[in-house]
N, C-alpha and C. Protein backbone atom coordinates (compact mmCIF):
# COMPACT_ATOMS: atom_id res chain seq x y z
N MET A 1 21.87 -16.64 -37.47
CA MET A 1 22.44 -15.74 -36.55
C MET A 1 23.14 -16.62 -35.50
N ALA A 2 24.38 -16.23 -35.14
CA ALA A 2 25.20 -16.96 -34.19
C ALA A 2 24.65 -16.71 -32.75
N PRO A 3 24.71 -17.73 -31.89
CA PRO A 3 24.25 -17.51 -30.51
C PRO A 3 25.19 -16.60 -29.77
N LEU A 4 24.66 -15.85 -28.84
CA LEU A 4 25.45 -14.90 -28.07
C LEU A 4 26.17 -15.72 -26.96
N THR A 5 27.54 -15.53 -26.95
CA THR A 5 28.33 -16.24 -25.93
C THR A 5 29.33 -15.26 -25.30
N LEU A 6 29.71 -15.57 -24.08
CA LEU A 6 30.66 -14.73 -23.40
C LEU A 6 32.08 -15.23 -23.74
N PRO A 7 33.09 -14.35 -23.82
CA PRO A 7 34.42 -14.86 -23.97
C PRO A 7 34.84 -15.71 -22.80
N LEU A 8 35.76 -16.60 -22.99
CA LEU A 8 36.16 -17.56 -21.97
C LEU A 8 36.66 -16.85 -20.70
N ASN A 9 37.23 -15.69 -20.82
CA ASN A 9 37.82 -15.07 -19.65
C ASN A 9 36.86 -14.09 -18.99
N ALA A 10 35.64 -13.96 -19.52
CA ALA A 10 34.65 -13.05 -18.91
C ALA A 10 33.97 -13.66 -17.70
N GLN A 11 33.77 -12.83 -16.70
CA GLN A 11 33.06 -13.32 -15.50
C GLN A 11 31.64 -12.76 -15.55
N ALA A 12 30.70 -13.63 -15.42
CA ALA A 12 29.31 -13.23 -15.40
C ALA A 12 29.00 -12.65 -13.93
N GLU A 13 28.38 -11.46 -13.97
CA GLU A 13 28.00 -10.89 -12.65
C GLU A 13 26.75 -11.62 -12.15
N PRO A 14 26.79 -12.07 -10.91
CA PRO A 14 25.65 -12.89 -10.44
C PRO A 14 24.30 -12.17 -10.34
N TYR A 15 24.33 -10.88 -10.03
CA TYR A 15 23.05 -10.16 -9.85
C TYR A 15 23.12 -8.83 -10.66
N GLY A 16 23.38 -8.95 -11.91
CA GLY A 16 23.34 -7.77 -12.79
C GLY A 16 24.51 -6.84 -12.50
N ARG A 17 24.25 -5.56 -12.53
CA ARG A 17 25.29 -4.56 -12.39
C ARG A 17 25.66 -4.28 -10.91
N PHE A 18 25.05 -4.95 -9.97
CA PHE A 18 25.25 -4.70 -8.58
C PHE A 18 25.84 -5.92 -7.88
N PRO A 19 27.13 -6.14 -8.15
CA PRO A 19 27.78 -7.36 -7.58
C PRO A 19 27.80 -7.35 -6.04
N HIS A 20 27.66 -6.14 -5.37
CA HIS A 20 27.65 -6.12 -3.90
C HIS A 20 26.31 -6.60 -3.36
N SER A 21 25.31 -6.71 -4.19
CA SER A 21 23.98 -7.14 -3.74
C SER A 21 23.87 -8.66 -3.67
N ASP A 22 23.16 -9.10 -2.68
CA ASP A 22 22.94 -10.56 -2.56
C ASP A 22 21.59 -10.93 -3.24
N GLY A 23 20.95 -9.93 -3.88
CA GLY A 23 19.77 -10.26 -4.69
C GLY A 23 18.41 -10.19 -3.91
N HIS A 24 18.40 -9.78 -2.64
CA HIS A 24 17.14 -9.66 -1.94
C HIS A 24 16.79 -8.20 -1.74
N LEU A 25 15.53 -7.92 -1.54
CA LEU A 25 15.05 -6.60 -1.29
C LEU A 25 15.03 -6.38 0.24
N ASP A 26 15.49 -5.16 0.64
CA ASP A 26 15.32 -4.78 1.99
C ASP A 26 15.27 -3.26 2.01
N GLY A 27 15.00 -2.74 3.17
CA GLY A 27 14.96 -1.24 3.34
C GLY A 27 13.80 -0.65 2.56
N ALA A 28 14.14 0.57 1.98
CA ALA A 28 13.11 1.31 1.32
C ALA A 28 12.46 0.60 0.07
N PRO A 29 13.25 -0.12 -0.77
CA PRO A 29 12.56 -0.83 -1.85
C PRO A 29 11.62 -1.88 -1.38
N LEU A 30 11.93 -2.55 -0.32
CA LEU A 30 11.03 -3.56 0.21
C LEU A 30 9.74 -2.92 0.75
N VAL A 31 9.90 -1.83 1.49
CA VAL A 31 8.73 -1.13 2.02
C VAL A 31 7.86 -0.60 0.88
N TYR A 32 8.48 0.01 -0.14
CA TYR A 32 7.77 0.52 -1.30
C TYR A 32 6.96 -0.56 -1.98
N LEU A 33 7.61 -1.74 -2.24
CA LEU A 33 6.90 -2.82 -2.90
C LEU A 33 5.76 -3.31 -2.05
N ALA A 34 5.94 -3.43 -0.77
CA ALA A 34 4.89 -3.86 0.12
C ALA A 34 3.73 -2.84 0.12
N MET A 35 4.05 -1.57 0.05
CA MET A 35 2.98 -0.56 0.02
C MET A 35 2.21 -0.65 -1.27
N MET A 36 2.89 -0.86 -2.39
CA MET A 36 2.18 -0.99 -3.67
C MET A 36 1.27 -2.25 -3.68
N LEU A 37 1.79 -3.39 -3.17
CA LEU A 37 0.90 -4.57 -3.13
C LEU A 37 -0.31 -4.34 -2.18
N THR A 38 -0.05 -3.62 -1.06
CA THR A 38 -1.14 -3.31 -0.16
C THR A 38 -2.17 -2.40 -0.81
N ALA A 39 -1.75 -1.43 -1.62
CA ALA A 39 -2.66 -0.50 -2.26
C ALA A 39 -3.54 -1.25 -3.26
N VAL A 40 -2.92 -2.17 -4.06
CA VAL A 40 -3.70 -2.97 -4.99
C VAL A 40 -4.68 -3.91 -4.22
N ALA A 41 -4.22 -4.47 -3.13
CA ALA A 41 -5.09 -5.34 -2.33
C ALA A 41 -6.33 -4.53 -1.77
N VAL A 42 -6.05 -3.34 -1.28
CA VAL A 42 -7.14 -2.49 -0.75
C VAL A 42 -8.11 -2.17 -1.90
N TYR A 43 -7.63 -1.85 -3.08
CA TYR A 43 -8.50 -1.61 -4.24
C TYR A 43 -9.38 -2.81 -4.50
N LEU A 44 -8.77 -4.01 -4.51
CA LEU A 44 -9.58 -5.22 -4.85
C LEU A 44 -10.58 -5.45 -3.68
N LEU A 45 -10.19 -5.31 -2.47
CA LEU A 45 -11.08 -5.50 -1.32
C LEU A 45 -12.28 -4.51 -1.37
N TYR A 46 -11.96 -3.30 -1.71
CA TYR A 46 -12.98 -2.26 -1.82
C TYR A 46 -14.00 -2.62 -2.90
N CYS A 47 -13.48 -3.04 -4.08
CA CYS A 47 -14.39 -3.45 -5.17
C CYS A 47 -15.23 -4.63 -4.74
N ALA A 48 -14.62 -5.57 -4.06
CA ALA A 48 -15.31 -6.82 -3.60
C ALA A 48 -16.42 -6.40 -2.62
N TYR A 49 -16.13 -5.58 -1.63
CA TYR A 49 -17.12 -5.18 -0.63
C TYR A 49 -18.31 -4.46 -1.29
N ARG A 50 -17.93 -3.43 -2.06
CA ARG A 50 -19.04 -2.66 -2.68
C ARG A 50 -19.84 -3.48 -3.70
N GLY A 51 -19.15 -4.38 -4.44
CA GLY A 51 -19.85 -5.22 -5.35
C GLY A 51 -20.79 -6.17 -4.70
N TRP A 52 -20.35 -6.77 -3.58
CA TRP A 52 -21.17 -7.75 -2.82
C TRP A 52 -22.40 -7.03 -2.29
N ARG A 53 -22.32 -5.83 -1.85
CA ARG A 53 -23.44 -5.05 -1.34
C ARG A 53 -24.35 -4.44 -2.43
N GLY A 54 -23.90 -4.53 -3.71
CA GLY A 54 -24.62 -3.92 -4.76
C GLY A 54 -24.51 -2.36 -4.77
N ALA A 55 -23.43 -1.91 -4.19
CA ALA A 55 -23.26 -0.50 -4.03
C ALA A 55 -22.10 0.08 -4.87
N LEU A 56 -21.70 -0.72 -5.87
CA LEU A 56 -20.66 -0.23 -6.80
C LEU A 56 -21.30 0.10 -8.12
N PRO A 57 -21.69 1.40 -8.33
CA PRO A 57 -22.34 1.74 -9.57
C PRO A 57 -21.35 1.70 -10.76
N PRO A 58 -21.89 1.56 -11.98
CA PRO A 58 -21.02 1.60 -13.14
C PRO A 58 -20.26 2.93 -13.16
N ASN A 59 -18.89 2.80 -13.34
CA ASN A 59 -18.07 4.00 -13.28
C ASN A 59 -16.76 3.65 -14.03
N PRO A 60 -15.98 4.71 -14.32
CA PRO A 60 -14.72 4.46 -15.11
C PRO A 60 -13.54 4.04 -14.25
N LEU A 61 -13.60 4.02 -12.93
CA LEU A 61 -12.44 3.79 -12.06
C LEU A 61 -12.45 2.40 -11.40
N PHE A 62 -13.55 1.98 -10.89
CA PHE A 62 -13.64 0.76 -10.10
C PHE A 62 -14.53 -0.29 -10.75
N GLY A 63 -14.09 -1.55 -10.70
CA GLY A 63 -14.97 -2.64 -11.17
C GLY A 63 -14.44 -3.35 -12.37
N ILE A 64 -15.16 -4.36 -12.74
CA ILE A 64 -14.88 -5.22 -13.86
C ILE A 64 -15.52 -4.70 -15.13
N ARG A 65 -14.74 -4.53 -16.16
CA ARG A 65 -15.25 -4.02 -17.44
C ARG A 65 -15.09 -5.09 -18.51
N THR A 66 -16.19 -5.78 -18.77
CA THR A 66 -16.28 -6.73 -19.90
C THR A 66 -17.37 -6.22 -20.83
N GLY A 67 -17.47 -6.85 -21.97
CA GLY A 67 -18.56 -6.44 -22.88
C GLY A 67 -19.93 -6.64 -22.23
N TYR A 68 -20.05 -7.68 -21.41
CA TYR A 68 -21.32 -7.91 -20.76
C TYR A 68 -21.58 -6.91 -19.63
N THR A 69 -20.62 -6.57 -18.83
CA THR A 69 -20.90 -5.62 -17.73
C THR A 69 -21.16 -4.28 -18.24
N ARG A 70 -20.61 -3.91 -19.36
CA ARG A 70 -20.86 -2.60 -19.96
C ARG A 70 -22.17 -2.54 -20.72
N SER A 71 -22.85 -3.71 -20.83
CA SER A 71 -24.08 -3.71 -21.64
C SER A 71 -25.29 -3.13 -20.89
N GLY A 72 -25.16 -2.95 -19.64
CA GLY A 72 -26.25 -2.32 -18.89
C GLY A 72 -26.06 -2.45 -17.36
N GLU A 73 -26.88 -1.76 -16.62
CA GLU A 73 -26.74 -1.72 -15.16
C GLU A 73 -27.04 -3.12 -14.58
N ARG A 74 -28.07 -3.73 -15.06
CA ARG A 74 -28.40 -5.03 -14.52
C ARG A 74 -27.26 -6.05 -14.59
N ALA A 75 -26.59 -6.09 -15.76
CA ALA A 75 -25.45 -6.95 -15.95
C ALA A 75 -24.31 -6.53 -15.05
N TRP A 76 -24.02 -5.21 -14.93
CA TRP A 76 -22.97 -4.71 -14.12
C TRP A 76 -23.13 -5.25 -12.64
N TYR A 77 -24.31 -5.03 -12.07
CA TYR A 77 -24.53 -5.42 -10.70
C TYR A 77 -24.55 -6.93 -10.50
N ALA A 78 -25.08 -7.64 -11.47
CA ALA A 78 -25.12 -9.08 -11.41
C ALA A 78 -23.67 -9.67 -11.36
N VAL A 79 -22.84 -9.19 -12.26
CA VAL A 79 -21.41 -9.73 -12.31
C VAL A 79 -20.71 -9.32 -11.03
N HIS A 80 -20.87 -8.09 -10.56
CA HIS A 80 -20.12 -7.67 -9.39
C HIS A 80 -20.55 -8.36 -8.11
N ARG A 81 -21.82 -8.72 -8.04
CA ARG A 81 -22.24 -9.52 -6.88
C ARG A 81 -21.54 -10.90 -6.89
N ARG A 82 -21.43 -11.48 -8.09
CA ARG A 82 -20.85 -12.83 -8.20
C ARG A 82 -19.32 -12.83 -8.13
N ILE A 83 -18.73 -11.77 -8.49
CA ILE A 83 -17.24 -11.79 -8.48
C ILE A 83 -16.65 -11.32 -7.16
N ALA A 84 -17.48 -10.82 -6.27
CA ALA A 84 -17.01 -10.28 -5.01
C ALA A 84 -16.12 -11.27 -4.22
N PRO A 85 -16.53 -12.55 -4.06
CA PRO A 85 -15.65 -13.44 -3.28
C PRO A 85 -14.27 -13.68 -3.97
N TRP A 86 -14.30 -13.70 -5.31
CA TRP A 86 -13.05 -13.87 -6.07
C TRP A 86 -12.11 -12.69 -5.85
N LEU A 87 -12.68 -11.46 -5.98
CA LEU A 87 -11.87 -10.26 -5.77
C LEU A 87 -11.36 -10.16 -4.32
N GLY A 88 -12.23 -10.54 -3.40
CA GLY A 88 -11.81 -10.51 -2.00
C GLY A 88 -10.71 -11.52 -1.79
N GLY A 89 -10.81 -12.65 -2.31
CA GLY A 89 -9.68 -13.66 -2.23
C GLY A 89 -8.38 -13.15 -2.85
N SER A 90 -8.54 -12.50 -3.99
CA SER A 90 -7.35 -11.92 -4.66
C SER A 90 -6.72 -10.86 -3.82
N GLY A 91 -7.50 -10.01 -3.22
CA GLY A 91 -6.99 -8.95 -2.33
C GLY A 91 -6.33 -9.54 -1.12
N ALA A 92 -6.91 -10.57 -0.57
CA ALA A 92 -6.32 -11.21 0.64
C ALA A 92 -5.01 -11.87 0.36
N VAL A 93 -4.92 -12.48 -0.85
CA VAL A 93 -3.61 -13.07 -1.27
C VAL A 93 -2.54 -12.01 -1.41
N LEU A 94 -2.88 -10.87 -1.94
CA LEU A 94 -1.90 -9.82 -2.12
C LEU A 94 -1.49 -9.23 -0.72
N LEU A 95 -2.44 -9.13 0.19
CA LEU A 95 -2.06 -8.70 1.55
C LEU A 95 -1.11 -9.66 2.20
N LEU A 96 -1.40 -10.95 2.07
CA LEU A 96 -0.49 -11.98 2.61
C LEU A 96 0.84 -11.98 1.92
N THR A 97 0.85 -11.72 0.65
CA THR A 97 2.13 -11.61 -0.11
C THR A 97 2.94 -10.48 0.43
N ALA A 98 2.38 -9.30 0.58
CA ALA A 98 3.05 -8.16 1.11
C ALA A 98 3.62 -8.43 2.47
N ALA A 99 2.80 -9.07 3.33
CA ALA A 99 3.30 -9.34 4.69
C ALA A 99 4.42 -10.40 4.68
N ALA A 100 4.32 -11.36 3.79
CA ALA A 100 5.31 -12.48 3.72
C ALA A 100 6.63 -11.97 3.14
N LEU A 101 6.70 -10.85 2.49
CA LEU A 101 8.02 -10.38 1.94
C LEU A 101 8.99 -10.03 3.03
N PHE A 102 8.47 -9.60 4.21
CA PHE A 102 9.38 -9.16 5.28
C PHE A 102 10.08 -10.33 5.95
N PRO A 103 9.36 -11.38 6.34
CA PRO A 103 10.08 -12.56 6.95
C PRO A 103 10.92 -13.27 5.89
N ALA A 104 10.59 -13.15 4.63
CA ALA A 104 11.29 -13.89 3.57
C ALA A 104 12.46 -13.04 3.01
N GLN A 105 13.17 -12.34 3.97
CA GLN A 105 14.23 -11.42 3.51
C GLN A 105 15.50 -12.15 3.11
N PHE A 106 15.39 -13.27 2.46
CA PHE A 106 16.49 -13.89 1.86
C PHE A 106 16.11 -14.09 0.38
N ARG A 107 17.04 -14.09 -0.46
CA ARG A 107 16.79 -14.03 -1.91
C ARG A 107 15.81 -15.06 -2.39
N ASP A 108 16.00 -16.31 -2.05
CA ASP A 108 15.12 -17.38 -2.61
C ASP A 108 13.74 -17.27 -2.00
N GLY A 109 13.59 -16.81 -0.80
CA GLY A 109 12.25 -16.66 -0.22
C GLY A 109 11.49 -15.59 -0.93
N GLN A 110 12.09 -14.45 -1.25
CA GLN A 110 11.38 -13.43 -1.95
C GLN A 110 11.10 -13.81 -3.40
N LEU A 111 11.99 -14.55 -4.01
CA LEU A 111 11.77 -15.02 -5.38
C LEU A 111 10.64 -16.02 -5.48
N VAL A 112 10.24 -16.62 -4.39
CA VAL A 112 9.16 -17.59 -4.40
C VAL A 112 7.85 -16.82 -4.03
N VAL A 113 7.91 -16.03 -2.95
CA VAL A 113 6.74 -15.41 -2.39
C VAL A 113 6.12 -14.44 -3.38
N LEU A 114 6.88 -13.53 -3.91
CA LEU A 114 6.34 -12.47 -4.81
C LEU A 114 5.68 -13.00 -6.07
N PRO A 115 6.35 -13.79 -6.89
CA PRO A 115 5.72 -14.32 -8.06
C PRO A 115 4.50 -15.24 -7.79
N ALA A 116 4.65 -16.06 -6.73
CA ALA A 116 3.55 -16.98 -6.36
C ALA A 116 2.33 -16.19 -5.96
N GLY A 117 2.52 -15.21 -5.12
CA GLY A 117 1.38 -14.37 -4.68
C GLY A 117 0.74 -13.59 -5.86
N ALA A 118 1.57 -13.05 -6.74
CA ALA A 118 1.04 -12.30 -7.85
C ALA A 118 0.29 -13.16 -8.85
N VAL A 119 0.82 -14.37 -9.11
CA VAL A 119 0.16 -15.28 -10.05
C VAL A 119 -1.15 -15.76 -9.47
N LEU A 120 -1.16 -16.16 -8.17
CA LEU A 120 -2.39 -16.61 -7.53
C LEU A 120 -3.46 -15.52 -7.52
N ALA A 121 -3.05 -14.30 -7.15
CA ALA A 121 -4.01 -13.21 -7.10
C ALA A 121 -4.57 -12.89 -8.48
N GLY A 122 -3.71 -12.87 -9.52
CA GLY A 122 -4.19 -12.60 -10.84
C GLY A 122 -5.11 -13.74 -11.36
N ALA A 123 -4.72 -14.95 -11.06
CA ALA A 123 -5.59 -16.09 -11.46
C ALA A 123 -6.94 -16.03 -10.85
N LEU A 124 -6.99 -15.68 -9.60
CA LEU A 124 -8.32 -15.55 -8.92
C LEU A 124 -9.19 -14.51 -9.58
N ALA A 125 -8.56 -13.36 -9.93
CA ALA A 125 -9.31 -12.28 -10.56
C ALA A 125 -9.77 -12.67 -11.96
N VAL A 126 -8.91 -13.31 -12.74
CA VAL A 126 -9.26 -13.70 -14.12
C VAL A 126 -10.33 -14.78 -14.13
N VAL A 127 -10.11 -15.85 -13.34
CA VAL A 127 -11.08 -16.94 -13.31
C VAL A 127 -12.39 -16.49 -12.71
N GLY A 128 -12.34 -15.63 -11.68
CA GLY A 128 -13.50 -15.08 -11.11
C GLY A 128 -14.32 -14.25 -12.07
N THR A 129 -13.64 -13.47 -12.91
CA THR A 129 -14.33 -12.67 -13.91
C THR A 129 -15.06 -13.54 -14.91
N ALA A 130 -14.35 -14.58 -15.37
CA ALA A 130 -15.00 -15.43 -16.37
C ALA A 130 -16.18 -16.20 -15.77
N ARG A 131 -16.00 -16.73 -14.55
CA ARG A 131 -17.08 -17.48 -13.98
C ARG A 131 -18.25 -16.60 -13.62
N ALA A 132 -17.98 -15.39 -13.04
CA ALA A 132 -19.09 -14.51 -12.66
C ALA A 132 -19.85 -14.03 -13.92
N THR A 133 -19.13 -13.70 -15.00
CA THR A 133 -19.76 -13.26 -16.23
C THR A 133 -20.64 -14.40 -16.80
N ARG A 134 -20.10 -15.60 -16.83
CA ARG A 134 -20.84 -16.73 -17.37
C ARG A 134 -22.11 -16.99 -16.54
N SER A 135 -21.92 -16.99 -15.22
CA SER A 135 -23.03 -17.25 -14.31
C SER A 135 -24.13 -16.16 -14.43
N ALA A 136 -23.67 -14.93 -14.51
CA ALA A 136 -24.71 -13.80 -14.65
C ALA A 136 -25.41 -13.92 -15.97
N ARG A 137 -24.69 -14.22 -17.05
CA ARG A 137 -25.40 -14.37 -18.36
C ARG A 137 -26.38 -15.49 -18.30
N ARG A 138 -26.03 -16.59 -17.65
CA ARG A 138 -26.93 -17.75 -17.62
C ARG A 138 -28.17 -17.41 -16.80
N GLU A 139 -28.02 -16.76 -15.61
CA GLU A 139 -29.12 -16.54 -14.71
C GLU A 139 -29.89 -15.24 -15.07
N GLU A 140 -29.22 -14.22 -15.47
CA GLU A 140 -29.84 -12.92 -15.71
C GLU A 140 -30.31 -12.78 -17.20
N GLY A 141 -29.64 -13.52 -18.05
CA GLY A 141 -29.93 -13.36 -19.46
C GLY A 141 -29.15 -12.22 -20.03
N PRO A 142 -29.15 -12.11 -21.38
CA PRO A 142 -28.44 -10.97 -22.00
C PRO A 142 -29.17 -9.67 -21.68
N GLU A 143 -28.36 -8.67 -21.52
CA GLU A 143 -28.92 -7.32 -21.28
C GLU A 143 -29.51 -6.75 -22.59
N GLU A 144 -30.71 -6.29 -22.55
CA GLU A 144 -31.36 -5.75 -23.71
C GLU A 144 -31.12 -4.28 -23.84
N ALA A 145 -30.88 -3.84 -25.08
CA ALA A 145 -30.67 -2.40 -25.30
C ALA A 145 -31.95 -1.61 -25.07
N ASP A 146 -31.76 -0.43 -24.47
CA ASP A 146 -32.94 0.43 -24.16
C ASP A 146 -33.32 1.21 -25.38
C-alpha cells in the first residue's frame, strides 16, 4: 500500500478544521474540562477518605474492583485501607491539573499540563492498586469462600 501524501500545492491546516484557532482551550470548553477533572478528583478523594476510614462498603459504584477485592469483605477493606494514600494522591494531582489549565492558557502549556497530569494520576491509581492488592494478600492472606 502506498503511503498517504499531500499534493505539492496543498496547504496543511495547522489545527485541524479550525484555522482561526491557535490550538488552546479557553472559555466554556476550558471550564467544562476543568469541571470534569475536578469531578473525577472528588470521586478519587471520596474513595480514598472512605477507604482509609474503613467506611467504604463493597458496592457497584465506588472503589477498586479486582479479583481479590471481590473475593470477600475482608479483602475489600484491606485493599481500600492500603490504596487510600495512592487514590488521594491521584485525586490531588487531578485537582492541580485542573487548576493549572487556567494559567497555562497558551497552547504548549496546556499540551504539557493536561497529559502530564492525566498520566501521573492514572499511574498513581494503577500502581497503588497493584501494591495495595499485593500487600493485602501478603498480610491478610487469601480470602476463603464461605
